Amino acid sequence: MTDRNDRWGDLLRRANRGEASAYAQFLTEAAPVIRTVVRGRSGREEGTEDVVQEVLLAIHAKRHTWRDTDPVTPWVYAIARYKTADAFRRDRRSAQQVPIEDLAERLPDEGQVDPTVARDLARLLGQIDERSARIVRAVALDGESAGDVGGRLGMSEGAVRVAYHRALTRLRQLAAADQEKEHVTK
């Protein structure tokens, strides 16, 4: 490794001083080693050449950052590791993306409400006082602001928020009690 490191270090130093033939020789010697590193880290053949090219481009773009007093091989290997990891992340993200154009007819309509949910909500809202039910319908279902609802009901915005949260707490309790009843009867 020290022979390689010394040789590559000499070539890259000369390349950074403008010697094109030294840079060409450095890339020629480094490419097969980079290919082996990328293939070893990825565990597969496909896409290796693309990552090797990315590594070589990164070395070219960042070669001025290498300190010529430091060993060059750890610097090259680090770039190869990072570029391979970047390729893994890209591949994983693209593999997770599923085109839905073919599934559009099978997907449920978001605007359509499950009739059983609407029925259960209406039943629960019928179990709390009318003012609280109106506040929940206006804020949660119709998307109105607490200020608008308060203006219409003669309440402050803060009072509407308090009433809304208390109503939601009561609805949660009623729903939990209903679930408990269903669980006991089954």
N, C-alpha and C. Protein backbone atom coordinates (compact mmCIF):
# COMPACT_ATOMS: atom_id res chain seq x y z
N MET A 1 0.82 -1.19 0.00
CA MET A 1 0.00 0.00 0.00
C MET A 1 0.87 1.25 0.00
N THR A 2 1.97 1.24 0.72
CA THR A 2 2.81 2.43 0.74
C THR A 2 3.42 2.70 -0.63
N ASP A 3 3.72 1.62 -1.38
CA ASP A 3 4.23 1.84 -2.74
C ASP A 3 3.17 2.54 -3.59
N ARG A 4 1.94 2.02 -3.51
CA ARG A 4 0.83 2.64 -4.26
C ARG A 4 0.62 4.06 -3.77
N ASN A 5 0.57 4.22 -2.46
CA ASN A 5 0.34 5.54 -1.88
C ASN A 5 1.43 6.53 -2.31
N ASP A 6 2.68 6.07 -2.25
CA ASP A 6 3.79 6.95 -2.65
C ASP A 6 3.68 7.30 -4.13
N ARG A 7 3.41 6.29 -4.95
CA ARG A 7 3.31 6.52 -6.40
C ARG A 7 2.16 7.46 -6.72
N TRP A 8 0.96 7.17 -6.17
CA TRP A 8 -0.19 8.03 -6.44
C TRP A 8 0.03 9.44 -5.89
N GLY A 9 0.64 9.52 -4.72
CA GLY A 9 0.91 10.83 -4.15
C GLY A 9 1.81 11.66 -5.05
N ASP A 10 2.86 11.01 -5.59
CA ASP A 10 3.77 11.70 -6.50
C ASP A 10 3.02 12.14 -7.76
N LEU A 11 2.20 11.24 -8.32
CA LEU A 11 1.46 11.57 -9.54
C LEU A 11 0.48 12.72 -9.30
N LEU A 12 -0.24 12.68 -8.19
CA LEU A 12 -1.23 13.73 -7.92
C LEU A 12 -0.55 15.06 -7.60
N ARG A 13 0.56 15.04 -6.92
CA ARG A 13 1.31 16.29 -6.68
C ARG A 13 1.71 16.93 -8.01
N ARG A 14 2.26 16.10 -8.89
CA ARG A 14 2.68 16.62 -10.19
C ARG A 14 1.47 17.08 -11.00
N ALA A 15 0.36 16.34 -10.90
CA ALA A 15 -0.86 16.73 -11.62
C ALA A 15 -1.39 18.07 -11.12
N ASN A 16 -1.34 18.26 -9.82
CA ASN A 16 -1.83 19.52 -9.25
C ASN A 16 -0.94 20.71 -9.61
N ARG A 17 0.28 20.41 -10.02
CA ARG A 17 1.17 21.47 -10.50
C ARG A 17 1.00 21.70 -12.00
N GLY A 18 0.08 20.93 -12.63
CA GLY A 18 -0.22 21.17 -14.04
C GLY A 18 0.31 20.14 -15.01
N GLU A 19 0.88 19.05 -14.55
CA GLU A 19 1.43 18.04 -15.43
C GLU A 19 0.31 17.08 -15.86
N ALA A 20 -0.19 17.27 -17.07
CA ALA A 20 -1.34 16.51 -17.57
C ALA A 20 -1.05 15.02 -17.67
N SER A 21 0.15 14.65 -18.08
CA SER A 21 0.46 13.22 -18.23
C SER A 21 0.47 12.51 -16.87
N ALA A 22 0.91 13.20 -15.84
CA ALA A 22 0.90 12.62 -14.49
C ALA A 22 -0.54 12.41 -14.03
N TYR A 23 -1.43 13.35 -14.34
CA TYR A 23 -2.83 13.23 -13.96
C TYR A 23 -3.48 12.07 -14.70
N ALA A 24 -3.20 11.94 -15.99
CA ALA A 24 -3.74 10.83 -16.78
C ALA A 24 -3.25 9.50 -16.21
N GLN A 25 -2.00 9.41 -15.84
CA GLN A 25 -1.44 8.18 -15.26
C GLN A 25 -2.10 7.89 -13.91
N PHE A 26 -2.30 8.92 -13.09
CA PHE A 26 -2.96 8.75 -11.79
C PHE A 26 -4.36 8.16 -11.98
N LEU A 27 -5.14 8.74 -12.89
CA LEU A 27 -6.50 8.25 -13.12
C LEU A 27 -6.50 6.83 -13.69
N THR A 28 -5.56 6.54 -14.56
CA THR A 28 -5.46 5.21 -15.15
C THR A 28 -5.18 4.16 -14.08
N GLU A 29 -4.31 4.48 -13.14
CA GLU A 29 -3.98 3.54 -12.07
C GLU A 29 -5.06 3.48 -10.99
N ALA A 30 -5.71 4.59 -10.74
CA ALA A 30 -6.70 4.63 -9.65
C ALA A 30 -8.03 4.00 -10.05
N ALA A 31 -8.42 4.10 -11.31
CA ALA A 31 -9.74 3.64 -11.74
C ALA A 31 -10.00 2.17 -11.42
N PRO A 32 -9.09 1.22 -11.73
CA PRO A 32 -9.38 -0.18 -11.40
C PRO A 32 -9.50 -0.43 -9.90
N VAL A 33 -8.70 0.28 -9.11
CA VAL A 33 -8.77 0.12 -7.66
C VAL A 33 -10.11 0.68 -7.15
N ILE A 34 -10.51 1.81 -7.66
CA ILE A 34 -11.80 2.41 -7.28
C ILE A 34 -12.93 1.46 -7.67
N ARG A 35 -12.84 0.87 -8.84
CA ARG A 35 -13.86 -0.08 -9.32
C ARG A 35 -13.99 -1.24 -8.34
N THR A 36 -12.85 -1.76 -7.86
CA THR A 36 -12.86 -2.86 -6.90
C THR A 36 -13.50 -2.43 -5.58
N VAL A 37 -13.17 -1.24 -5.11
CA VAL A 37 -13.75 -0.73 -3.87
C VAL A 37 -15.27 -0.58 -4.01
N VAL A 38 -15.71 0.01 -5.11
CA VAL A 38 -17.15 0.23 -5.32
C VAL A 38 -17.87 -1.11 -5.42
N ARG A 39 -17.33 -2.03 -6.20
CA ARG A 39 -17.95 -3.34 -6.37
C ARG A 39 -18.00 -4.08 -5.03
N GLY A 40 -16.93 -3.97 -4.25
CA GLY A 40 -16.89 -4.63 -2.94
C GLY A 40 -17.90 -4.05 -1.97
N ARG A 41 -18.08 -2.75 -1.99
CA ARG A 41 -19.03 -2.11 -1.08
C ARG A 41 -20.47 -2.31 -1.51
N SER A 42 -20.70 -2.38 -2.82
CA SER A 42 -22.08 -2.52 -3.30
C SER A 42 -22.50 -3.98 -3.39
N GLY A 43 -21.54 -4.88 -3.60
CA GLY A 43 -21.86 -6.30 -3.68
C GLY A 43 -22.54 -6.68 -4.98
N ARG A 44 -22.46 -5.84 -5.98
CA ARG A 44 -23.10 -6.14 -7.26
C ARG A 44 -22.33 -5.49 -8.40
N GLU A 45 -22.59 -5.98 -9.57
CA GLU A 45 -21.90 -5.49 -10.76
C GLU A 45 -22.63 -4.31 -11.39
N GLU A 46 -23.96 -4.37 -11.41
CA GLU A 46 -24.75 -3.34 -12.08
C GLU A 46 -24.59 -1.98 -11.40
N GLY A 47 -24.42 -0.96 -12.20
CA GLY A 47 -24.28 0.39 -11.69
C GLY A 47 -22.89 0.73 -11.21
N THR A 48 -21.99 -0.24 -11.19
CA THR A 48 -20.63 0.01 -10.68
C THR A 48 -19.94 1.08 -11.50
N GLU A 49 -20.02 0.98 -12.82
CA GLU A 49 -19.32 1.94 -13.67
C GLU A 49 -19.83 3.36 -13.48
N ASP A 50 -21.13 3.50 -13.25
CA ASP A 50 -21.68 4.83 -13.00
C ASP A 50 -21.08 5.43 -11.73
N VAL A 51 -20.98 4.62 -10.68
CA VAL A 51 -20.43 5.11 -9.42
C VAL A 51 -18.94 5.41 -9.58
N VAL A 52 -18.22 4.56 -10.33
CA VAL A 52 -16.79 4.80 -10.56
C VAL A 52 -16.61 6.15 -11.26
N GLN A 53 -17.45 6.43 -12.24
CA GLN A 53 -17.36 7.72 -12.94
C GLN A 53 -17.64 8.88 -11.99
N GLU A 54 -18.63 8.70 -11.09
CA GLU A 54 -18.92 9.74 -10.10
C GLU A 54 -17.72 9.98 -9.18
N VAL A 55 -17.06 8.89 -8.79
CA VAL A 55 -15.88 9.01 -7.92
C VAL A 55 -14.77 9.76 -8.66
N LEU A 56 -14.52 9.39 -9.91
CA LEU A 56 -13.46 10.05 -10.68
C LEU A 56 -13.76 11.53 -10.88
N LEU A 57 -15.05 11.85 -11.12
CA LEU A 57 -15.43 13.26 -11.25
C LEU A 57 -15.23 14.01 -9.93
N ALA A 58 -15.56 13.36 -8.83
CA ALA A 58 -15.39 14.00 -7.52
C ALA A 58 -13.91 14.22 -7.23
N ILE A 59 -13.09 13.24 -7.58
CA ILE A 59 -11.64 13.41 -7.39
C ILE A 59 -11.15 14.59 -8.22
N HIS A 60 -11.62 14.65 -9.45
CA HIS A 60 -11.20 15.76 -10.32
C HIS A 60 -11.63 17.11 -9.74
N ALA A 61 -12.88 17.16 -9.27
CA ALA A 61 -13.41 18.43 -8.75
C ALA A 61 -12.76 18.82 -7.42
N LYS A 62 -12.33 17.84 -6.64
CA LYS A 62 -11.83 18.13 -5.30
C LYS A 62 -10.33 17.87 -5.13
N ARG A 63 -9.63 17.61 -6.21
CA ARG A 63 -8.21 17.26 -6.07
C ARG A 63 -7.40 18.37 -5.43
N HIS A 64 -7.86 19.59 -5.56
CA HIS A 64 -7.14 20.70 -4.92
C HIS A 64 -7.27 20.68 -3.40
N THR A 65 -8.24 19.90 -2.87
CA THR A 65 -8.42 19.84 -1.41
C THR A 65 -7.50 18.83 -0.76
N TRP A 66 -6.90 17.94 -1.55
CA TRP A 66 -5.98 16.96 -0.98
C TRP A 66 -4.71 17.67 -0.55
N ARG A 67 -4.32 17.46 0.69
CA ARG A 67 -3.07 18.04 1.20
C ARG A 67 -1.93 17.12 0.81
N ASP A 68 -0.99 17.63 0.07
CA ASP A 68 0.06 16.78 -0.49
C ASP A 68 1.02 16.21 0.56
N THR A 69 0.84 16.58 1.80
CA THR A 69 1.64 15.97 2.88
C THR A 69 0.92 14.75 3.47
N ASP A 70 -0.36 14.57 3.12
CA ASP A 70 -1.15 13.43 3.61
C ASP A 70 -1.10 12.28 2.61
N PRO A 71 -1.33 11.06 3.08
CA PRO A 71 -1.41 9.93 2.15
C PRO A 71 -2.62 10.10 1.23
N VAL A 72 -2.47 9.73 -0.03
CA VAL A 72 -3.53 9.95 -1.01
C VAL A 72 -4.55 8.82 -1.03
N THR A 73 -4.13 7.57 -0.76
CA THR A 73 -5.08 6.46 -0.89
C THR A 73 -6.25 6.56 0.09
N PRO A 74 -6.07 6.92 1.36
CA PRO A 74 -7.24 7.06 2.23
C PRO A 74 -8.21 8.13 1.72
N TRP A 75 -7.67 9.17 1.14
CA TRP A 75 -8.50 10.25 0.58
C TRP A 75 -9.33 9.71 -0.59
N VAL A 76 -8.69 8.94 -1.47
CA VAL A 76 -9.40 8.36 -2.63
C VAL A 76 -10.44 7.36 -2.14
N TYR A 77 -10.08 6.50 -1.19
CA TYR A 77 -11.02 5.50 -0.68
C TYR A 77 -12.22 6.15 0.00
N ALA A 78 -11.99 7.23 0.71
CA ALA A 78 -13.09 7.93 1.37
C ALA A 78 -14.08 8.47 0.34
N ILE A 79 -13.57 9.05 -0.71
CA ILE A 79 -14.45 9.55 -1.77
C ILE A 79 -15.25 8.39 -2.37
N ALA A 80 -14.58 7.27 -2.63
CA ALA A 80 -15.26 6.10 -3.19
C ALA A 80 -16.34 5.60 -2.25
N ARG A 81 -16.05 5.55 -0.94
CA ARG A 81 -17.06 5.10 0.03
C ARG A 81 -18.28 6.01 0.04
N TYR A 82 -18.03 7.31 0.09
CA TYR A 82 -19.15 8.26 0.15
C TYR A 82 -19.99 8.23 -1.12
N LYS A 83 -19.35 8.15 -2.26
CA LYS A 83 -20.11 8.12 -3.52
C LYS A 83 -20.90 6.82 -3.64
N THR A 84 -20.34 5.71 -3.16
CA THR A 84 -21.07 4.43 -3.17
C THR A 84 -22.28 4.51 -2.25
N ALA A 85 -22.10 5.10 -1.08
CA ALA A 85 -23.23 5.26 -0.14
C ALA A 85 -24.31 6.15 -0.74
N ASP A 86 -23.90 7.22 -1.42
CA ASP A 86 -24.87 8.10 -2.08
C ASP A 86 -25.67 7.32 -3.12
N ALA A 87 -24.99 6.46 -3.88
CA ALA A 87 -25.67 5.66 -4.90
C ALA A 87 -26.66 4.70 -4.26
N PHE A 88 -26.29 4.09 -3.12
CA PHE A 88 -27.22 3.22 -2.39
C PHE A 88 -28.48 3.97 -2.00
N ARG A 89 -28.30 5.17 -1.46
CA ARG A 89 -29.46 5.95 -1.03
C ARG A 89 -30.35 6.29 -2.22
N ARG A 90 -29.75 6.68 -3.32
CA ARG A 90 -30.53 6.99 -4.53
C ARG A 90 -31.30 5.77 -5.00
N ASP A 91 -30.62 4.62 -5.04
CA ASP A 91 -31.27 3.39 -5.49
C ASP A 91 -32.42 3.01 -4.58
N ARG A 92 -32.21 3.16 -3.27
CA ARG A 92 -33.25 2.79 -2.32
C ARG A 92 -34.46 3.71 -2.47
N ARG A 93 -34.21 5.01 -2.68
CA ARG A 93 -35.33 5.94 -2.86
C ARG A 93 -36.09 5.64 -4.14
N SER A 94 -35.37 5.38 -5.23
CA SER A 94 -36.06 5.13 -6.50
C SER A 94 -36.79 3.80 -6.46
N ALA A 95 -36.29 2.83 -5.70
CA ALA A 95 -36.97 1.53 -5.60
C ALA A 95 -38.26 1.66 -4.79
N GLN A 96 -38.33 2.66 -3.92
CA GLN A 96 -39.51 2.83 -3.09
C GLN A 96 -40.62 3.59 -3.82
N GLN A 97 -40.30 4.21 -4.92
CA GLN A 97 -41.30 4.97 -5.65
C GLN A 97 -42.05 4.04 -6.59
N VAL A 98 -43.35 4.02 -6.43
CA VAL A 98 -44.21 3.16 -7.24
C VAL A 98 -45.12 4.05 -8.07
N PRO A 99 -45.09 3.91 -9.40
CA PRO A 99 -45.99 4.72 -10.21
C PRO A 99 -47.44 4.32 -9.94
N ILE A 100 -48.31 5.31 -9.76
CA ILE A 100 -49.70 4.99 -9.42
C ILE A 100 -50.67 5.24 -10.57
N GLU A 101 -50.13 5.60 -11.73
CA GLU A 101 -51.01 5.89 -12.85
C GLU A 101 -51.92 4.70 -13.16
N ASP A 102 -51.36 3.48 -13.10
CA ASP A 102 -52.13 2.29 -13.42
C ASP A 102 -53.12 1.93 -12.31
N LEU A 103 -52.91 2.48 -11.13
CA LEU A 103 -53.76 2.16 -9.98
C LEU A 103 -54.82 3.22 -9.71
N ALA A 104 -54.85 4.27 -10.50
CA ALA A 104 -55.74 5.40 -10.23
C ALA A 104 -57.20 4.98 -10.11
N GLU A 105 -57.62 4.04 -10.91
CA GLU A 105 -59.03 3.62 -10.86
C GLU A 105 -59.33 2.81 -9.60
N ARG A 106 -58.32 2.20 -9.01
CA ARG A 106 -58.53 1.37 -7.82
C ARG A 106 -58.43 2.15 -6.52
N LEU A 107 -57.81 3.33 -6.56
CA LEU A 107 -57.64 4.12 -5.35
C LEU A 107 -58.97 4.72 -4.92
N PRO A 108 -59.21 4.78 -3.61
CA PRO A 108 -60.49 5.36 -3.16
C PRO A 108 -60.51 6.87 -3.40
N ASP A 109 -61.71 7.38 -3.62
CA ASP A 109 -61.90 8.81 -3.82
C ASP A 109 -61.74 9.49 -2.46
N GLU A 110 -60.79 10.40 -2.36
CA GLU A 110 -60.51 11.06 -1.08
C GLU A 110 -61.68 11.91 -0.63
N GLY A 111 -62.47 12.41 -1.52
CA GLY A 111 -63.61 13.23 -1.15
C GLY A 111 -64.79 12.43 -0.65
N GLN A 112 -64.75 11.14 -0.87
CA GLN A 112 -65.86 10.28 -0.47
C GLN A 112 -65.64 9.79 0.96
N VAL A 113 -66.62 9.98 1.81
CA VAL A 113 -66.51 9.59 3.21
C VAL A 113 -67.17 8.23 3.38
N ASP A 114 -66.54 7.40 4.16
CA ASP A 114 -67.11 6.09 4.49
C ASP A 114 -68.43 6.33 5.22
N PRO A 115 -69.52 5.78 4.73
CA PRO A 115 -70.83 6.04 5.35
C PRO A 115 -70.89 5.58 6.81
N THR A 116 -70.16 4.55 7.17
CA THR A 116 -70.20 4.10 8.57
C THR A 116 -69.49 5.11 9.48
N VAL A 117 -68.43 5.74 8.97
CA VAL A 117 -67.73 6.76 9.76
C VAL A 117 -68.65 7.96 9.96
N ALA A 118 -69.32 8.39 8.87
CA ALA A 118 -70.23 9.53 8.98
C ALA A 118 -71.37 9.22 9.96
N ARG A 119 -71.90 8.00 9.91
CA ARG A 119 -72.98 7.61 10.81
C ARG A 119 -72.51 7.60 12.26
N ASP A 120 -71.31 7.02 12.50
CA ASP A 120 -70.78 6.95 13.86
C ASP A 120 -70.49 8.35 14.41
N LEU A 121 -69.94 9.23 13.56
CA LEU A 121 -69.65 10.59 14.00
C LEU A 121 -70.94 11.33 14.33
N ALA A 122 -71.95 11.18 13.49
CA ALA A 122 -73.24 11.84 13.76
C ALA A 122 -73.84 11.35 15.08
N ARG A 123 -73.73 10.05 15.34
CA ARG A 123 -74.26 9.48 16.58
C ARG A 123 -73.50 10.04 17.79
N LEU A 124 -72.15 10.13 17.68
CA LEU A 124 -71.35 10.66 18.78
C LEU A 124 -71.64 12.14 19.01
N LEU A 125 -71.73 12.91 17.91
CA LEU A 125 -72.03 14.33 18.06
C LEU A 125 -73.41 14.54 18.68
N GLY A 126 -74.34 13.62 18.45
CA GLY A 126 -75.67 13.69 19.05
C GLY A 126 -75.66 13.46 20.56
N GLN A 127 -74.55 12.95 21.08
CA GLN A 127 -74.46 12.65 22.51
C GLN A 127 -73.82 13.80 23.31
N ILE A 128 -73.39 14.86 22.63
CA ILE A 128 -72.84 16.02 23.36
C ILE A 128 -73.79 17.19 23.15
N ASP A 129 -73.58 18.25 23.91
CA ASP A 129 -74.49 19.41 23.81
C ASP A 129 -74.41 20.03 22.41
N GLU A 130 -75.48 20.69 22.01
CA GLU A 130 -75.62 21.21 20.65
C GLU A 130 -74.54 22.23 20.31
N ARG A 131 -74.23 23.14 21.22
CA ARG A 131 -73.22 24.16 20.94
C ARG A 131 -71.86 23.52 20.67
N SER A 132 -71.48 22.54 21.48
CA SER A 132 -70.20 21.85 21.28
C SER A 132 -70.20 21.10 19.95
N ALA A 133 -71.30 20.48 19.62
CA ALA A 133 -71.40 19.74 18.35
C ALA A 133 -71.27 20.70 17.17
N ARG A 134 -71.91 21.89 17.27
CA ARG A 134 -71.79 22.88 16.19
C ARG A 134 -70.35 23.35 16.04
N ILE A 135 -69.65 23.54 17.16
CA ILE A 135 -68.25 23.98 17.11
C ILE A 135 -67.38 22.90 16.45
N VAL A 136 -67.57 21.64 16.84
CA VAL A 136 -66.78 20.56 16.24
C VAL A 136 -67.06 20.46 14.75
N ARG A 137 -68.33 20.52 14.36
CA ARG A 137 -68.66 20.46 12.91
C ARG A 137 -68.00 21.61 12.15
N ALA A 138 -68.08 22.82 12.71
CA ALA A 138 -67.56 23.99 12.02
C ALA A 138 -66.03 23.96 11.92
N VAL A 139 -65.35 23.64 13.00
CA VAL A 139 -63.89 23.69 13.00
C VAL A 139 -63.29 22.44 12.35
N ALA A 140 -63.71 21.26 12.78
CA ALA A 140 -63.08 20.02 12.32
C ALA A 140 -63.57 19.59 10.94
N LEU A 141 -64.85 19.72 10.68
CA LEU A 141 -65.38 19.20 9.43
C LEU A 141 -65.42 20.26 8.32
N ASP A 142 -65.80 21.48 8.67
CA ASP A 142 -65.93 22.52 7.65
C ASP A 142 -64.65 23.35 7.50
N GLY A 143 -63.72 23.22 8.44
CA GLY A 143 -62.44 23.92 8.34
C GLY A 143 -62.50 25.40 8.66
N GLU A 144 -63.52 25.83 9.40
CA GLU A 144 -63.63 27.24 9.75
C GLU A 144 -62.64 27.58 10.88
N SER A 145 -62.29 28.85 10.97
CA SER A 145 -61.38 29.27 12.04
C SER A 145 -62.18 29.47 13.33
N ALA A 146 -61.45 29.39 14.44
CA ALA A 146 -62.10 29.60 15.74
C ALA A 146 -62.66 31.01 15.85
N GLY A 147 -62.01 31.98 15.22
CA GLY A 147 -62.50 33.36 15.25
C GLY A 147 -63.82 33.50 14.52
N ASP A 148 -63.95 32.87 13.34
CA ASP A 148 -65.20 32.93 12.58
C ASP A 148 -66.34 32.27 13.34
N VAL A 149 -66.06 31.10 13.90
CA VAL A 149 -67.09 30.38 14.65
C VAL A 149 -67.50 31.19 15.88
N GLY A 150 -66.51 31.76 16.56
CA GLY A 150 -66.81 32.58 17.74
C GLY A 150 -67.67 33.78 17.40
N GLY A 151 -67.37 34.44 16.28
CA GLY A 151 -68.17 35.59 15.86
C GLY A 151 -69.62 35.21 15.62
N ARG A 152 -69.82 34.05 15.00
CA ARG A 152 -71.17 33.60 14.70
C ARG A 152 -71.92 33.16 15.97
N LEU A 153 -71.20 32.61 16.96
CA LEU A 153 -71.85 32.09 18.16
C LEU A 153 -71.80 33.07 19.34
N GLY A 154 -71.20 34.25 19.12
CA GLY A 154 -71.11 35.24 20.19
C GLY A 154 -70.10 34.83 21.26
N MET A 155 -69.02 34.19 20.87
CA MET A 155 -67.99 33.73 21.80
C MET A 155 -66.63 34.30 21.37
N SER A 156 -65.72 34.39 22.30
CA SER A 156 -64.37 34.81 21.92
C SER A 156 -63.67 33.63 21.24
N GLU A 157 -62.60 33.96 20.50
CA GLU A 157 -61.84 32.92 19.80
C GLU A 157 -61.27 31.91 20.80
N GLY A 158 -60.75 32.40 21.91
CA GLY A 158 -60.20 31.52 22.95
C GLY A 158 -61.25 30.61 23.55
N ALA A 159 -62.45 31.15 23.76
CA ALA A 159 -63.54 30.33 24.32
C ALA A 159 -63.93 29.23 23.35
N VAL A 160 -63.90 29.53 22.03
CA VAL A 160 -64.22 28.51 21.03
C VAL A 160 -63.17 27.40 21.07
N ARG A 161 -61.91 27.78 21.18
CA ARG A 161 -60.85 26.77 21.23
C ARG A 161 -60.99 25.87 22.45
N VAL A 162 -61.27 26.47 23.59
CA VAL A 162 -61.45 25.68 24.81
C VAL A 162 -62.64 24.75 24.66
N ALA A 163 -63.76 25.27 24.15
CA ALA A 163 -64.95 24.44 23.97
C ALA A 163 -64.69 23.32 22.96
N TYR A 164 -63.94 23.64 21.91
CA TYR A 164 -63.61 22.64 20.88
C TYR A 164 -62.79 21.50 21.47
N HIS A 165 -61.75 21.83 22.23
CA HIS A 165 -60.90 20.80 22.81
C HIS A 165 -61.64 19.98 23.87
N ARG A 166 -62.50 20.63 24.61
CA ARG A 166 -63.31 19.88 25.59
C ARG A 166 -64.27 18.94 24.87
N ALA A 167 -64.85 19.40 23.79
CA ALA A 167 -65.77 18.57 23.02
C ALA A 167 -65.04 17.37 22.42
N LEU A 168 -63.83 17.59 21.90
CA LEU A 168 -63.05 16.47 21.35
C LEU A 168 -62.70 15.46 22.44
N THR A 169 -62.38 15.96 23.63
CA THR A 169 -62.09 15.05 24.74
C THR A 169 -63.32 14.22 25.07
N ARG A 170 -64.47 14.86 25.12
CA ARG A 170 -65.72 14.14 25.41
C ARG A 170 -66.02 13.13 24.31
N LEU A 171 -65.81 13.49 23.05
CA LEU A 171 -66.05 12.56 21.94
C LEU A 171 -65.11 11.36 22.02
N ARG A 172 -63.85 11.59 22.39
CA ARG A 172 -62.90 10.48 22.56
C ARG A 172 -63.38 9.53 23.65
N GLN A 173 -63.86 10.10 24.74
CA GLN A 173 -64.35 9.27 25.84
C GLN A 173 -65.55 8.44 25.39
N LEU A 174 -66.47 9.08 24.67
CA LEU A 174 -67.65 8.35 24.18
C LEU A 174 -67.26 7.25 23.20
N ALA A 175 -66.31 7.55 22.31
CA ALA A 175 -65.87 6.54 21.34
C ALA A 175 -65.19 5.38 22.05
N ALA A 176 -64.37 5.67 23.07
CA ALA A 176 -63.70 4.61 23.83
C ALA A 176 -64.72 3.74 24.55
N ALA A 177 -65.75 4.39 25.10
CA ALA A 177 -66.80 3.63 25.79
C ALA A 177 -67.54 2.73 24.80
N ASP A 178 -67.80 3.23 23.60
CA ASP A 178 -68.45 2.42 22.57
C ASP A 178 -67.59 1.22 22.18
N GLN A 179 -66.30 1.44 22.04
CA GLN A 179 -65.40 0.34 21.69
C GLN A 179 -65.35 -0.69 22.80
N GLU A 180 -65.38 -0.22 24.03
CA GLU A 180 -65.37 -1.14 25.17
C GLU A 180 -66.63 -1.99 25.17
N LYS A 181 -67.78 -1.37 24.86
CA LYS A 181 -69.05 -2.11 24.79
C LYS A 181 -68.98 -3.17 23.70
N GLU A 182 -68.44 -2.80 22.53
CA GLU A 182 -68.32 -3.75 21.41
C GLU A 182 -67.41 -4.90 21.78
N HIS A 183 -66.34 -4.61 22.48
CA HIS A 183 -65.36 -5.63 22.85
C HIS A 183 -65.98 -6.62 23.84
N VAL A 184 -66.80 -6.11 24.77
CA VAL A 184 -67.42 -6.96 25.77
C VAL A 184 -68.46 -7.86 25.13
N THR A 185 -69.20 -7.35 24.14
CA THR A 185 -70.27 -8.14 23.50
C THR A 185 -69.72 -9.19 22.53
N LYS A 186 -68.46 -9.06 22.13
CA LYS A 186 -67.91 -10.04 21.18
C LYS A 186 -67.36 -11.24 21.87
